[in-house]
Amino acid sequence: MSLYVCGYVHGGKPKTKVGIARNLRQRFEGLCAASPVHLEAYRAFDVPDFAARWMEREAHRMLSPWRSHGEWFDCDRRLAIDACEIAVSFEEAAEAFWRKRLD
């Protein structure tokens, strides 16, 4: 599973999307085909299936002050990537914490 960040800049204003996909290439091609503007893929993270939705929700929660609609945010790519990196690193730390205690 992939946690991804993509988006565009129109009129100097960034729009950024954070989402998850099983097939990242197919998902991005679908987004591009449906978009009236040129989309750029900014970053993708390979994440475990069991944690992908949680990571996506956490990134969305961190970005909520900039939510435009759905999974789209009025923020630049760096902010969205940072939110995803935090969600991914937190999940990895939590998994290591529990693995250490359960082994």
Protein backbone atom coordinates (compact mmCIF):
# COMPACT_ATOMS: atom_id res chain seq x y z
CA MET A 1 0.00 0.00 0.00
CA SER A 2 1.17 3.55 -0.64
CA LEU A 3 0.54 6.78 1.21
CA TYR A 4 1.00 9.54 -1.36
CA VAL A 5 1.13 13.30 -1.76
CA CYS A 6 0.32 14.97 -5.08
CA GLY A 7 -1.04 18.28 -6.20
CA TYR A 8 -0.71 21.39 -8.28
CA VAL A 9 -0.20 25.13 -8.08
CA HIS A 10 -2.75 27.34 -9.82
CA GLY A 11 -2.57 31.11 -9.76
CA GLY A 12 0.22 30.89 -7.21
CA LYS A 13 -1.97 28.91 -4.80
CA PRO A 14 -1.05 25.31 -3.96
CA LYS A 15 -3.56 22.46 -3.73
CA THR A 16 -2.28 19.24 -2.25
CA LYS A 17 -3.88 15.79 -1.96
CA VAL A 18 -2.96 13.12 0.57
CA GLY A 19 -4.32 9.65 -0.08
CA ILE A 20 -3.62 5.92 -0.10
CA ALA A 21 -3.59 3.44 -2.96
CA ARG A 22 -2.89 -0.23 -3.54
CA ASN A 23 -1.71 0.51 -7.08
CA LEU A 24 -0.09 3.93 -7.00
CA ARG A 25 0.56 4.21 -10.72
CA GLN A 26 -3.04 3.35 -11.60
CA ARG A 27 -4.40 5.75 -8.96
CA PHE A 28 -2.24 8.65 -10.13
CA GLU A 29 -3.12 8.03 -13.78
CA GLY A 30 -6.81 8.07 -12.81
CA LEU A 31 -6.42 11.33 -10.89
CA CYS A 32 -4.56 12.92 -13.81
CA ALA A 33 -7.18 11.80 -16.31
CA ALA A 34 -9.97 13.32 -14.20
CA SER A 35 -8.15 16.55 -13.38
CA PRO A 36 -8.58 19.74 -15.41
CA VAL A 37 -5.08 20.83 -14.28
CA HIS A 38 -1.69 19.15 -14.50
CA LEU A 39 -1.00 17.15 -11.32
CA GLU A 40 2.44 16.41 -9.97
CA ALA A 41 3.37 13.41 -7.83
CA TYR A 42 5.33 14.81 -4.89
CA ARG A 43 6.08 11.85 -2.62
CA ALA A 44 5.00 8.29 -1.90
CA PHE A 45 5.64 6.09 1.11
CA ASP A 46 5.42 2.28 1.05
CA VAL A 47 3.38 1.46 4.15
CA PRO A 48 1.91 -1.71 5.65
CA ASP A 49 -1.66 -2.40 4.56
CA PHE A 50 -2.88 -2.65 8.17
CA ALA A 51 -1.60 0.85 8.99
CA ALA A 52 -2.27 2.77 5.75
CA ARG A 53 -5.73 4.10 6.63
CA TRP A 54 -4.58 5.16 10.09
CA MET A 55 -1.57 7.01 8.61
CA GLU A 56 -3.80 8.73 6.07
CA ARG A 57 -6.25 9.82 8.78
CA GLU A 58 -3.42 11.14 10.95
CA ALA A 59 -1.94 13.14 8.08
CA HIS A 60 -5.43 14.51 7.29
CA ARG A 61 -5.92 15.40 10.96
CA MET A 62 -2.63 17.31 11.08
CA LEU A 63 -3.55 19.15 7.88
CA SER A 64 -7.16 19.85 8.88
CA PRO A 65 -6.66 23.63 9.30
CA TRP A 66 -5.86 23.73 5.57
CA ARG A 67 -8.60 21.34 4.36
CA SER A 68 -10.20 22.51 1.14
CA HIS A 69 -12.50 19.57 0.42
CA GLY A 70 -12.27 15.79 0.80
CA GLU A 71 -8.61 14.81 0.73
CA TRP A 72 -7.49 18.14 -0.75
CA PHE A 73 -5.68 20.83 1.23
CA ASP A 74 -4.73 24.47 0.63
CA CYS A 75 -1.11 23.94 1.66
CA ASP A 76 2.21 23.48 -0.04
CA ARG A 77 3.75 20.10 -0.72
CA ARG A 78 6.33 20.42 2.07
CA LEU A 79 3.68 20.72 4.78
CA ALA A 80 1.76 17.72 3.44
CA ILE A 81 4.92 15.63 3.11
CA ASP A 82 5.94 16.56 6.66
CA ALA A 83 2.53 15.46 7.99
CA CYS A 84 2.89 12.11 6.18
CA GLU A 85 6.44 11.63 7.45
CA ILE A 86 5.25 12.21 11.01
CA ALA A 87 2.37 9.73 10.59
CA VAL A 88 4.68 7.11 9.09
CA SER A 89 7.39 7.54 11.73
CA PHE A 90 4.85 7.46 14.58
CA GLU A 91 3.35 4.21 13.30
CA GLU A 92 6.83 2.66 12.93
CA ALA A 93 7.72 3.70 16.48
CA ALA A 94 4.44 2.34 17.86
CA GLU A 95 4.95 -0.97 16.03
CA ALA A 96 8.50 -1.29 17.42
CA PHE A 97 7.23 -0.46 20.92
CA TRP A 98 4.60 -3.20 20.85
CA ARG A 99 6.83 -5.74 19.12
CA LYS A 100 9.46 -5.29 21.86
CA ARG A 101 6.87 -5.88 24.58
CA LEU A 102 5.16 -8.82 22.90
CA ASP A 103 8.35 -10.74 22.02
